[in-house]
């Protein structure tokens, strides 16, 4: 999870402020000392840390904060606002040319994931119903052109290439002419990288910039390199006048130095963040949402957006209707599993929920993808009749399913038992919510569950197969 160690340190510092009826300048200074150490450990630029802490102290010891009813929460609010501002304040959108195509020039060092990110950006534009074209301007790295062509095939996006014997300047010129003739919305130039910054690289990039006249010059940097990424961004910006930065590998346990320093040092916004290896794992960088995640407040808006993009609404509504009628089949279970997996890794989704990172065991939570695959294999080894009607399962059928899925009869029995428990729980829960809705209508409104929920949504996560009162078990144990 991105910024895990930084988030843990900051939340520890602010836990001391929460719940205090009164705080003074000494307590604020103590908390700021913890914040300073946490940021320096995260490899944030020293000058940036110094200025950041000074701004927070100036605001936090003000009369409005210290004399408020919840001073601890007010200090945290100040930190949240300053963190957001440090990372850019608002979302920085891609520039759009008045005379298409919009030209985007991708630059960066080797190993940062520039070519893959070029493909991811094309995928993101396709989702917005745009028509991008990729251009292979890297004629030096072995198989660089082939890599871009493979990405183009996966995306069904054209790749403009003239081989490795033509200069990048000529390739860029011809590509833009071709894009204009064929009415492409975007031209994305995948330029050459180096193992380190040198004059030859910069001269070539400057020549490409002069002929292509790009609307965007985006630097791709590896977020896991910390302050080194900031130094690279500063060097490229001095030579090329960047318009923005794309951070890659932000889904790892990144210390956070790059994301928290790059805007302050270069003055250029982080436009996108790559949160995984898949081609759809690039998303606009939201400073406010990232600040909330770092402070343990979650990122519900991003979670909702993921659901809107990946969940089949009609299928979900039909499933809800069937469940309300007491139906829950193996087919429905398989559909819900597949839709959940489309949203991304489960630990990342849980990290977007407020307070989840404070739950016991959440820090070391890992999803066992192999176990999920075995569960899916069990369901897929069933016949249509068995999936639609779980009651027909007998010993011979279970034996056949185990053989077909490569599992044991005990695993099949355990899964079916847990599935039946889940089905019973859903019937009880459906009846309970219907009664509450009827009662609330008489009172003139509907109140959601508050306090202790009648069900424990995480019952059975640890693999305990005993049904607890008021709780339920997952029909498989996805956790290591």
Protein backbone atom coordinates (compact mmCIF):
# COMPACT_ATOMS: atom_id res chain seq x y z
CA UNK A 1 0.00 0.00 0.00
CA UNK A 2 1.34 3.44 -0.91
CA UNK A 3 2.90 5.46 1.95
CA UNK A 4 2.16 2.72 4.49
CA UNK A 5 5.10 3.47 6.82
CA UNK A 6 4.60 7.25 6.57
CA UNK A 7 0.87 6.92 7.24
CA UNK A 8 1.53 4.74 10.28
CA UNK A 9 3.99 7.26 11.76
CA UNK A 10 1.76 10.28 11.17
CA UNK A 11 -1.33 8.60 12.57
CA UNK A 12 0.64 7.61 15.66
CA UNK A 13 1.59 11.24 16.19
CA UNK A 14 -1.98 12.46 15.80
CA UNK A 15 -3.49 9.79 18.05
CA UNK A 16 -1.91 11.72 20.94
CA UNK A 17 -3.87 14.82 19.94
CA UNK A 18 -7.24 13.16 19.38
CA UNK A 19 -9.61 13.28 22.30
CA UNK A 20 -7.68 15.98 24.18
CA UNK A 21 -10.01 18.60 25.53
CA UNK A 22 -7.26 21.17 25.61
CA UNK A 23 -3.89 21.49 23.88
CA UNK A 24 -1.15 24.09 24.10
CA UNK A 25 1.86 25.11 22.05
CA UNK A 26 4.09 22.55 23.81
CA UNK A 27 1.84 19.65 22.78
CA UNK A 28 1.67 20.97 19.19
CA UNK A 29 5.48 21.24 19.06
CA UNK A 30 5.78 17.66 20.29
CA UNK A 31 3.42 16.42 17.55
CA UNK A 32 5.27 18.47 14.92
CA UNK A 33 8.57 16.87 15.96
CA UNK A 34 7.04 13.48 15.18
CA UNK A 35 5.73 14.78 11.86
CA UNK A 36 9.18 16.15 10.94
CA UNK A 37 10.87 12.81 11.71
CA UNK A 38 8.20 10.85 9.79
CA UNK A 39 8.64 13.01 6.69
CA UNK A 40 12.44 12.86 6.77
CA UNK A 41 12.30 9.08 7.14
CA UNK A 42 10.01 9.04 4.09
CA UNK A 43 12.85 10.69 2.14
CA UNK A 44 11.04 14.01 1.70
CA UNK A 45 13.30 16.92 0.73
CA UNK A 46 14.71 18.60 3.87
CA UNK A 47 13.79 22.15 2.80
CA UNK A 48 10.27 21.00 1.95
CA UNK A 49 9.90 19.39 5.41
CA UNK A 50 11.16 22.53 7.16
CA UNK A 51 8.74 24.83 5.32
CA UNK A 52 5.83 22.37 5.70
CA UNK A 53 6.23 22.01 9.48
CA UNK A 54 6.68 25.78 9.90
CA UNK A 55 3.38 26.46 8.07
CA UNK A 56 1.51 23.91 10.19
CA UNK A 57 2.90 25.31 13.46
CA UNK A 58 1.98 28.83 12.43
CA UNK A 59 -1.62 27.81 11.77
CA UNK A 60 -1.94 25.22 14.56
CA UNK A 61 -0.98 27.53 17.43
CA UNK A 62 -3.42 30.20 16.29
CA UNK A 63 -6.23 31.27 18.60
CA UNK A 64 -8.93 29.71 16.40
CA UNK A 65 -7.38 26.26 16.78
CA UNK A 66 -6.24 26.22 20.42
CA UNK A 67 -9.53 27.67 21.69
CA UNK A 68 -11.80 25.47 19.56
CA UNK A 69 -13.94 22.73 21.14
CA UNK A 70 -11.91 19.99 19.40
CA UNK A 71 -8.38 21.39 19.08
CA UNK A 72 -6.82 18.00 18.28
CA UNK A 73 -9.12 17.50 15.31
CA UNK A 74 -8.49 21.08 14.18
CA UNK A 75 -4.72 20.46 14.08
CA UNK A 76 -5.28 17.31 12.00
CA UNK A 77 -7.52 19.33 9.67
CA UNK A 78 -4.70 21.86 9.23
CA UNK A 79 -2.21 19.07 8.43
CA UNK A 80 -4.64 17.56 5.91
CA UNK A 81 -5.04 20.90 4.13
CA UNK A 82 -1.27 21.54 4.08
CA UNK A 83 -0.53 18.01 2.81
CA UNK A 84 -3.04 18.52 0.02
CA UNK A 85 -1.43 21.83 -0.91
CA UNK A 86 2.06 20.30 -0.75
CA UNK A 87 1.09 17.70 -3.36
CA UNK A 88 -0.46 20.24 -5.72
CA UNK A 89 -3.80 21.27 -4.23
CA UNK A 90 -6.09 20.44 -7.15
CA UNK A 91 -6.19 17.76 -9.83
CA UNK A 92 -4.09 18.84 -12.82
CA UNK A 93 -5.79 17.81 -16.06
CA UNK A 94 -4.17 17.10 -19.41
CA UNK A 95 -3.92 20.02 -21.78
CA UNK A 96 -6.10 19.82 -24.91
CA UNK A 97 -4.94 21.45 -28.14
CA UNK A 98 -7.30 23.81 -29.96
CA UNK A 99 -6.05 22.25 -33.19
CA UNK A 100 -5.87 18.45 -32.83
CA UNK A 101 -3.97 16.33 -32.36
CA UNK A 102 -2.85 17.04 -28.80
CA UNK A 103 0.83 16.04 -28.63
CA UNK A 104 2.14 14.43 -25.43
CA UNK A 105 5.88 13.88 -25.08
CA UNK A 106 6.87 11.17 -22.55
CA UNK A 107 10.37 11.53 -21.08
CA UNK A 108 12.34 9.82 -18.30
CA UNK A 109 15.22 7.56 -17.35
CA UNK A 110 15.36 3.85 -18.19
CA UNK A 111 13.65 1.55 -15.71
CA UNK A 112 11.00 4.02 -14.58
CA UNK A 113 8.32 2.31 -16.69
CA UNK A 114 8.03 4.98 -19.39
CA UNK A 115 6.96 2.74 -22.30
CA UNK A 116 4.43 0.82 -20.19
CA UNK A 117 3.08 4.11 -18.82
CA UNK A 118 2.70 5.37 -22.41
CA UNK A 119 0.40 2.39 -23.04
CA UNK A 120 -1.49 3.03 -19.80
CA UNK A 121 -2.07 6.65 -20.76
CA UNK A 122 -3.44 5.54 -24.14
CA UNK A 123 -5.80 3.17 -22.33
CA UNK A 124 -7.02 5.98 -20.07
CA UNK A 125 -7.70 8.20 -23.10
CA UNK A 126 -9.59 5.36 -24.80
CA UNK A 127 -11.87 5.15 -21.74
CA UNK A 128 -12.67 8.83 -22.36
CA UNK A 129 -13.65 7.97 -25.95
CA UNK A 130 -10.52 9.58 -27.38
CA UNK A 131 -8.49 8.31 -30.33
CA UNK A 132 -4.79 8.11 -29.39
CA UNK A 133 -1.80 7.06 -31.50
CA UNK A 134 1.48 5.81 -30.02
CA UNK A 135 4.79 6.82 -31.59
CA UNK A 136 8.00 4.79 -31.18
CA UNK A 137 10.76 7.40 -30.85
CA UNK A 138 13.10 5.20 -28.79
CA UNK A 139 15.51 3.82 -31.41
CA UNK A 140 18.27 2.89 -28.94
CA UNK A 141 16.93 0.45 -26.36
CA UNK A 142 16.75 -3.12 -27.71
CA UNK A 143 13.15 -4.22 -28.36
CA UNK A 144 11.75 -0.83 -27.29
CA UNK A 145 9.81 -0.51 -30.57
CA UNK A 146 8.58 -4.10 -30.29
CA UNK A 147 7.42 -3.50 -26.70
CA UNK A 148 5.35 -0.51 -27.78
CA UNK A 149 3.88 -2.48 -30.70
CA UNK A 150 2.83 -5.30 -28.36
CA UNK A 151 1.13 -2.75 -26.09
CA UNK A 152 -0.59 -1.26 -29.15
CA UNK A 153 -1.95 -4.69 -30.11
CA UNK A 154 -3.29 -5.25 -26.58
CA UNK A 155 -5.03 -1.88 -26.68
CA UNK A 156 -6.07 -2.05 -30.35
CA UNK A 157 -4.25 1.26 -30.71
CA UNK A 158 -2.07 2.08 -33.76
CA UNK A 159 1.68 2.45 -33.25
CA UNK A 160 3.62 4.70 -35.63
CA UNK A 161 7.13 3.38 -36.25
CA UNK A 162 9.87 3.99 -38.83
CA UNK A 163 12.38 1.50 -37.44
CA UNK A 164 15.62 2.17 -35.58
CA UNK A 165 17.59 3.71 -38.46
CA UNK A 166 15.64 6.98 -38.62
CA UNK A 167 16.22 9.87 -36.20
CA UNK A 168 13.63 10.50 -33.43
CA UNK A 169 13.19 14.04 -34.78
CA UNK A 170 12.10 12.78 -38.21
CA UNK A 171 9.89 10.08 -36.64
CA UNK A 172 8.09 12.68 -34.50
CA UNK A 173 7.58 15.00 -37.50
CA UNK A 174 6.16 12.27 -39.75
CA UNK A 175 4.00 10.88 -36.94
CA UNK A 176 2.26 14.20 -36.31
CA UNK A 177 1.60 14.65 -40.04
CA UNK A 178 0.13 11.13 -40.15
CA UNK A 179 -2.04 11.84 -37.10
CA UNK A 180 -3.46 15.02 -38.66
CA UNK A 181 -4.29 13.20 -41.90
CA UNK A 182 -6.03 10.38 -40.02
CA UNK A 183 -7.83 12.55 -37.44
CA UNK A 184 -6.27 11.23 -34.23
CA UNK A 185 -7.08 13.12 -31.03
CA UNK A 186 -3.78 12.44 -29.27
CA UNK A 187 -0.21 11.64 -30.30
CA UNK A 188 1.90 10.12 -27.52
CA UNK A 189 5.65 10.18 -28.19
CA UNK A 190 7.59 7.44 -26.39
CA UNK A 191 11.08 8.96 -26.34
CA UNK A 192 14.40 7.33 -25.46
CA UNK A 193 15.61 7.09 -21.88
CA UNK A 194 19.08 6.69 -20.42
CA UNK A 195 20.54 5.07 -17.32
CA UNK A 196 21.50 8.59 -16.24
CA UNK A 197 21.03 12.14 -17.49
CA UNK A 198 23.57 13.22 -20.12
CA UNK A 199 23.98 16.04 -22.63
CA UNK A 200 23.34 13.81 -25.67
CA UNK A 201 19.96 12.72 -24.28
CA UNK A 202 18.89 16.26 -23.44
CA UNK A 203 19.95 17.66 -26.81
CA UNK A 204 17.94 15.03 -28.65
CA UNK A 205 14.87 15.61 -26.48
CA UNK A 206 15.13 19.36 -27.04
CA UNK A 207 15.24 18.77 -30.82
CA UNK A 208 12.14 16.55 -30.63
CA UNK A 209 10.41 19.22 -28.53
CA UNK A 210 11.20 21.92 -31.11
CA UNK A 211 9.67 20.01 -34.06
CA UNK A 212 6.77 18.35 -32.18
CA UNK A 213 5.76 21.43 -30.17
CA UNK A 214 4.12 19.21 -27.52
CA UNK A 215 1.15 20.40 -25.50
CA UNK A 216 2.38 18.25 -22.60
CA UNK A 217 5.88 17.12 -21.61
CA UNK A 218 5.37 14.47 -18.94
CA UNK A 219 8.23 13.04 -16.91
CA UNK A 220 7.80 9.42 -15.81
CA UNK A 221 9.60 8.72 -12.50
CA UNK A 222 9.78 5.72 -10.21
CA UNK A 223 8.13 6.73 -6.92
CA UNK A 224 10.12 4.11 -5.01
CA UNK A 225 13.39 5.99 -5.64
CA UNK A 226 12.28 8.70 -3.20
CA UNK A 227 14.27 11.93 -3.35
CA UNK A 228 16.28 10.67 -6.35
CA UNK A 229 13.06 10.97 -8.35
CA UNK A 230 12.83 14.63 -7.31
CA UNK A 231 16.42 15.28 -8.39
CA UNK A 232 15.69 13.70 -11.79
CA UNK A 233 12.52 15.81 -12.13
CA UNK A 234 14.48 18.97 -11.33
CA UNK A 235 17.15 18.18 -13.96
CA UNK A 236 14.61 17.40 -16.69
CA UNK A 237 12.58 20.47 -15.81
CA UNK A 238 15.59 22.78 -16.10
CA UNK A 239 16.29 21.48 -19.61
CA UNK A 240 12.82 20.80 -21.05
CA UNK A 241 10.31 22.87 -19.03
CA UNK A 242 8.08 19.98 -17.97
CA UNK A 243 4.33 20.38 -17.72
CA UNK A 244 3.80 17.53 -15.28
CA UNK A 245 4.99 14.32 -13.66
CA UNK A 246 3.70 10.73 -13.68
CA UNK A 247 4.64 8.64 -10.64
CA UNK A 248 4.96 4.90 -11.24
CA UNK A 249 5.02 1.99 -8.76
CA UNK A 250 2.96 3.96 -6.25
CA UNK A 251 1.19 0.74 -5.20
CA UNK A 252 4.35 -0.53 -3.48
CA UNK A 253 5.35 0.39 0.07
CA UNK A 254 6.59 3.72 -1.22
CA UNK A 255 8.15 5.96 1.41
CA UNK A 256 6.50 9.01 -0.14
CA UNK A 257 9.45 11.32 -0.72
CA UNK A 258 8.74 11.78 -4.42
CA UNK A 259 5.03 12.50 -4.16
CA UNK A 260 5.46 14.92 -1.27
CA UNK A 261 8.46 16.79 -2.71
CA UNK A 262 8.18 16.95 -6.49
CA UNK A 263 5.62 19.78 -6.69
CA UNK A 264 7.38 21.92 -4.08
CA UNK A 265 10.83 21.49 -5.66
CA UNK A 266 9.96 21.72 -9.37
CA UNK A 267 6.69 23.64 -9.29
CA UNK A 268 5.25 21.01 -11.66
CA UNK A 269 2.13 19.02 -10.70
CA UNK A 270 1.81 15.25 -10.43
CA UNK A 271 -0.74 14.53 -13.15
CA UNK A 272 -1.06 10.74 -12.90
CA UNK A 273 -0.12 7.87 -10.63
CA UNK A 274 0.41 4.26 -11.71
CA UNK A 275 -1.05 1.98 -9.03
CA UNK A 276 -0.30 -1.45 -10.52
CA UNK A 277 1.05 -3.40 -13.46
CA UNK A 278 -2.14 -3.73 -15.52
CA UNK A 279 -2.79 -1.37 -18.42
CA UNK A 280 -5.79 0.16 -16.68
CA UNK A 281 -3.78 0.87 -13.51
CA UNK A 282 -3.17 4.56 -14.24
CA UNK A 283 -5.35 7.17 -12.61
CA UNK A 284 -5.41 10.96 -12.23
CA UNK A 285 -3.51 12.07 -9.13
CA UNK A 286 -5.85 13.59 -6.53
CA UNK A 287 -3.79 15.45 -3.88
CA UNK A 288 -6.75 15.76 -1.49
CA UNK A 289 -7.58 12.05 -1.67
CA UNK A 290 -3.96 11.02 -1.24
CA UNK A 291 -3.65 13.29 1.81
CA UNK A 292 -6.74 11.67 3.31
CA UNK A 293 -5.29 8.19 2.77
CA UNK A 294 -1.99 9.17 4.37
CA UNK A 295 -3.86 10.45 7.43
CA UNK A 296 -6.02 7.32 7.67
CA UNK A 297 -9.23 9.03 6.53
CA UNK A 298 -9.68 6.70 3.55
CA UNK A 299 -10.50 7.49 -0.06
CA UNK A 300 -14.15 6.64 -0.55
CA UNK A 301 -14.51 8.76 -3.72
CA UNK A 302 -11.86 6.73 -5.57
CA UNK A 303 -13.52 3.52 -4.38
CA UNK A 304 -16.88 4.69 -5.76
CA UNK A 305 -15.26 5.64 -9.09
CA UNK A 306 -13.67 2.19 -9.36
CA UNK A 307 -17.04 0.57 -8.72
CA UNK A 308 -18.77 2.74 -11.32
CA UNK A 309 -16.15 1.84 -13.93
CA UNK A 310 -15.97 -1.90 -13.28
CA UNK A 311 -19.27 -3.09 -11.84
CA UNK A 312 -22.12 -4.08 -14.16
CA UNK A 313 -24.97 -2.04 -12.64
CA UNK A 314 -27.77 -4.02 -14.29
CA UNK A 315 -26.29 -7.32 -13.15
CA UNK A 316 -25.80 -5.95 -9.63
CA UNK A 317 -29.44 -4.77 -9.47
CA UNK A 318 -30.68 -8.15 -10.69
CA UNK A 319 -28.53 -9.90 -8.10
CA UNK A 320 -29.93 -7.63 -5.37
CA UNK A 321 -33.49 -8.43 -6.49
CA UNK A 322 -32.81 -12.18 -6.38
CA UNK A 323 -31.16 -11.95 -2.96
CA UNK A 324 -34.15 -10.06 -1.60
CA UNK A 325 -36.27 -12.99 -2.72
CA UNK A 326 -34.03 -15.36 -0.78
CA UNK A 327 -32.10 -16.64 -3.81
CA UNK A 328 -28.34 -17.07 -3.74
CA UNK A 329 -26.70 -19.49 -6.13
CA UNK A 330 -23.14 -20.48 -6.96
CA UNK A 331 -23.50 -18.55 -10.23
CA UNK A 332 -24.33 -15.39 -8.28
CA UNK A 333 -21.38 -16.01 -5.98
CA UNK A 334 -19.02 -16.44 -8.96
CA UNK A 335 -20.32 -13.23 -10.60
CA UNK A 336 -19.82 -11.22 -7.42
CA UNK A 337 -16.32 -12.64 -6.98
CA UNK A 338 -15.31 -11.71 -10.53
CA UNK A 339 -16.72 -8.19 -10.21
CA UNK A 340 -14.84 -7.70 -6.93
CA UNK A 341 -11.57 -8.80 -8.54
CA UNK A 342 -12.06 -6.24 -11.32
CA UNK A 343 -11.94 -3.48 -8.71
CA UNK A 344 -8.33 -4.35 -7.88
CA UNK A 345 -6.47 -6.05 -5.01
CA UNK A 346 -8.66 -6.46 -1.93
CA UNK A 347 -6.04 -5.01 0.44
CA UNK A 348 -5.96 -1.84 -1.70
CA UNK A 349 -9.75 -1.54 -1.61
CA UNK A 350 -9.81 -1.95 2.18
CA UNK A 351 -7.11 0.73 2.42
CA UNK A 352 -9.57 3.18 0.84
CA UNK A 353 -12.04 2.75 3.70
CA UNK A 354 -11.70 5.21 6.59
CA UNK A 355 -10.04 3.72 9.67
CA UNK A 356 -9.41 0.30 8.12
CA UNK A 357 -5.63 0.64 8.46
CA UNK A 358 -6.06 0.89 12.23
CA UNK A 359 -7.86 -2.42 12.53
CA UNK A 360 -5.87 -5.17 14.16
CA UNK A 361 -4.04 -7.26 11.57
CA UNK A 362 -4.83 -4.93 8.64
CA UNK A 363 -1.19 -3.86 8.23
CA UNK A 364 -0.08 -7.41 7.42
CA UNK A 365 -3.20 -8.29 5.45
CA UNK A 366 -2.41 -10.22 2.30
CA UNK A 367 -4.86 -11.82 -0.09
CA UNK A 368 -4.09 -15.37 -1.18
CA UNK A 369 -4.92 -15.23 -4.89
CA UNK A 370 -4.26 -18.97 -5.19
CA UNK A 371 -6.99 -19.72 -2.66
CA UNK A 372 -9.43 -17.48 -4.55
CA UNK A 373 -8.51 -19.28 -7.78
CA UNK A 374 -9.13 -22.68 -6.13
CA UNK A 375 -12.55 -21.50 -4.96
CA UNK A 376 -13.44 -20.32 -8.46
CA UNK A 377 -12.21 -23.64 -9.86
CA UNK A 378 -14.61 -25.51 -7.55
CA UNK A 379 -17.60 -23.47 -8.77
CA UNK A 380 -16.56 -23.75 -12.43
CA UNK A 381 -16.33 -27.55 -12.09
CA UNK A 382 -20.04 -27.70 -11.26
CA UNK A 383 -22.73 -28.31 -13.85
CA UNK A 384 -25.33 -25.65 -14.65
CA UNK A 385 -27.87 -27.53 -12.55
CA UNK A 386 -25.55 -27.69 -9.55
CA UNK A 387 -24.68 -23.98 -9.73
CA UNK A 388 -28.34 -22.99 -9.95
CA UNK A 389 -29.53 -25.42 -7.29
CA UNK A 390 -27.02 -26.14 -4.48
CA UNK A 391 -29.49 -28.56 -2.85
CA UNK A 392 -28.79 -31.29 -5.44
CA UNK A 393 -25.23 -31.83 -4.16
CA UNK A 394 -24.59 -35.44 -3.13
CA UNK A 395 -21.43 -37.42 -2.38
CA UNK A 396 -20.82 -38.49 -6.01
CA UNK A 397 -21.24 -34.96 -7.33
CA UNK A 398 -18.84 -33.57 -4.72
CA UNK A 399 -16.27 -36.22 -5.59
CA UNK A 400 -16.50 -35.31 -9.29
CA UNK A 401 -16.21 -31.57 -8.53
CA UNK A 402 -13.09 -32.15 -6.42
CA UNK A 403 -11.46 -34.15 -9.22
CA UNK A 404 -12.41 -31.56 -11.84
CA UNK A 405 -11.13 -28.59 -9.82
CA UNK A 406 -7.92 -30.19 -8.60
CA UNK A 407 -8.98 -29.87 -4.97
CA UNK A 408 -9.90 -32.34 -2.23
CA UNK A 409 -13.37 -33.51 -1.22
CA UNK A 410 -12.77 -31.89 2.17
CA UNK A 411 -12.17 -28.50 0.51
CA UNK A 412 -15.33 -28.87 -1.56
CA UNK A 413 -17.36 -29.83 1.54
CA UNK A 414 -15.94 -26.92 3.52
CA UNK A 415 -16.73 -24.45 0.74
CA UNK A 416 -20.33 -25.72 0.33
CA UNK A 417 -20.87 -25.58 4.12
CA UNK A 418 -19.62 -21.99 4.30
CA UNK A 419 -21.69 -21.09 1.23
CA UNK A 420 -24.83 -22.42 2.94
CA UNK A 421 -24.01 -20.43 6.10
CA UNK A 422 -23.65 -17.29 4.00
CA UNK A 423 -26.95 -17.99 2.26
CA UNK A 424 -28.76 -18.30 5.63
CA UNK A 425 -27.18 -15.09 6.86
CA UNK A 426 -28.30 -13.22 3.73
CA UNK A 427 -31.89 -14.37 4.23
CA UNK A 428 -31.82 -13.13 7.84
CA UNK A 429 -30.24 -9.83 6.86
CA UNK A 430 -32.74 -9.25 4.02
CA UNK A 431 -35.65 -9.83 6.37
CA UNK A 432 -34.13 -7.53 8.96
CA UNK A 433 -33.58 -4.63 6.54
CA UNK A 434 -37.10 -4.98 5.11
CA UNK A 435 -38.59 -4.74 8.63
CA UNK A 436 -36.46 -1.70 9.41
CA UNK A 437 -37.56 0.02 6.20
CA UNK A 438 -41.23 -0.59 7.04
CA UNK A 439 -40.78 0.81 10.54
CA UNK A 440 -38.83 3.82 9.31
CA UNK A 441 -41.50 4.67 6.72
CA UNK A 442 -44.05 4.94 9.54
CA UNK A 443 -41.66 7.28 11.39
CA UNK A 444 -41.01 9.32 8.26
CA UNK A 445 -37.44 8.30 7.33
CA UNK A 446 -34.86 5.56 7.10
CA UNK A 447 -31.82 5.38 9.34
CA UNK A 448 -28.87 3.16 8.42
CA UNK A 449 -27.33 0.85 10.97
CA UNK A 450 -25.50 2.77 13.67
CA UNK A 451 -23.12 1.52 16.32
CA UNK A 452 -22.84 -2.25 16.54
CA UNK A 453 -24.14 -3.69 13.27
CA UNK A 454 -26.45 -6.76 13.52
CA UNK A 455 -23.88 -8.55 11.35
CA UNK A 456 -20.10 -8.65 11.51
CA UNK A 457 -18.98 -7.93 7.92
CA UNK A 458 -15.55 -9.38 8.64
CA UNK A 459 -16.68 -12.49 10.45
CA UNK A 460 -14.66 -15.53 9.46
CA UNK A 461 -11.79 -13.59 7.89
CA UNK A 462 -9.36 -15.53 9.94
CA UNK A 463 -10.68 -18.81 8.59
CA UNK A 464 -12.80 -19.85 11.62
CA UNK A 465 -15.63 -21.97 10.23
CA UNK A 466 -17.85 -21.71 13.31
CA UNK A 467 -20.76 -19.36 12.84
CA UNK A 468 -20.76 -16.68 15.49
CA UNK A 469 -23.94 -15.19 16.80
CA UNK A 470 -24.92 -12.31 14.52
CA UNK A 471 -22.00 -12.90 12.16
CA UNK A 472 -21.03 -14.94 9.12
CA UNK A 473 -18.03 -16.51 7.46
CA UNK A 474 -16.73 -15.84 3.98
CA UNK A 475 -17.37 -18.88 1.74
CA UNK A 476 -13.58 -19.16 1.42
CA UNK A 477 -10.54 -17.85 3.27
CA UNK A 478 -8.71 -15.48 0.91
CA UNK A 479 -6.09 -14.48 3.45
CA UNK A 480 -2.67 -15.98 4.11
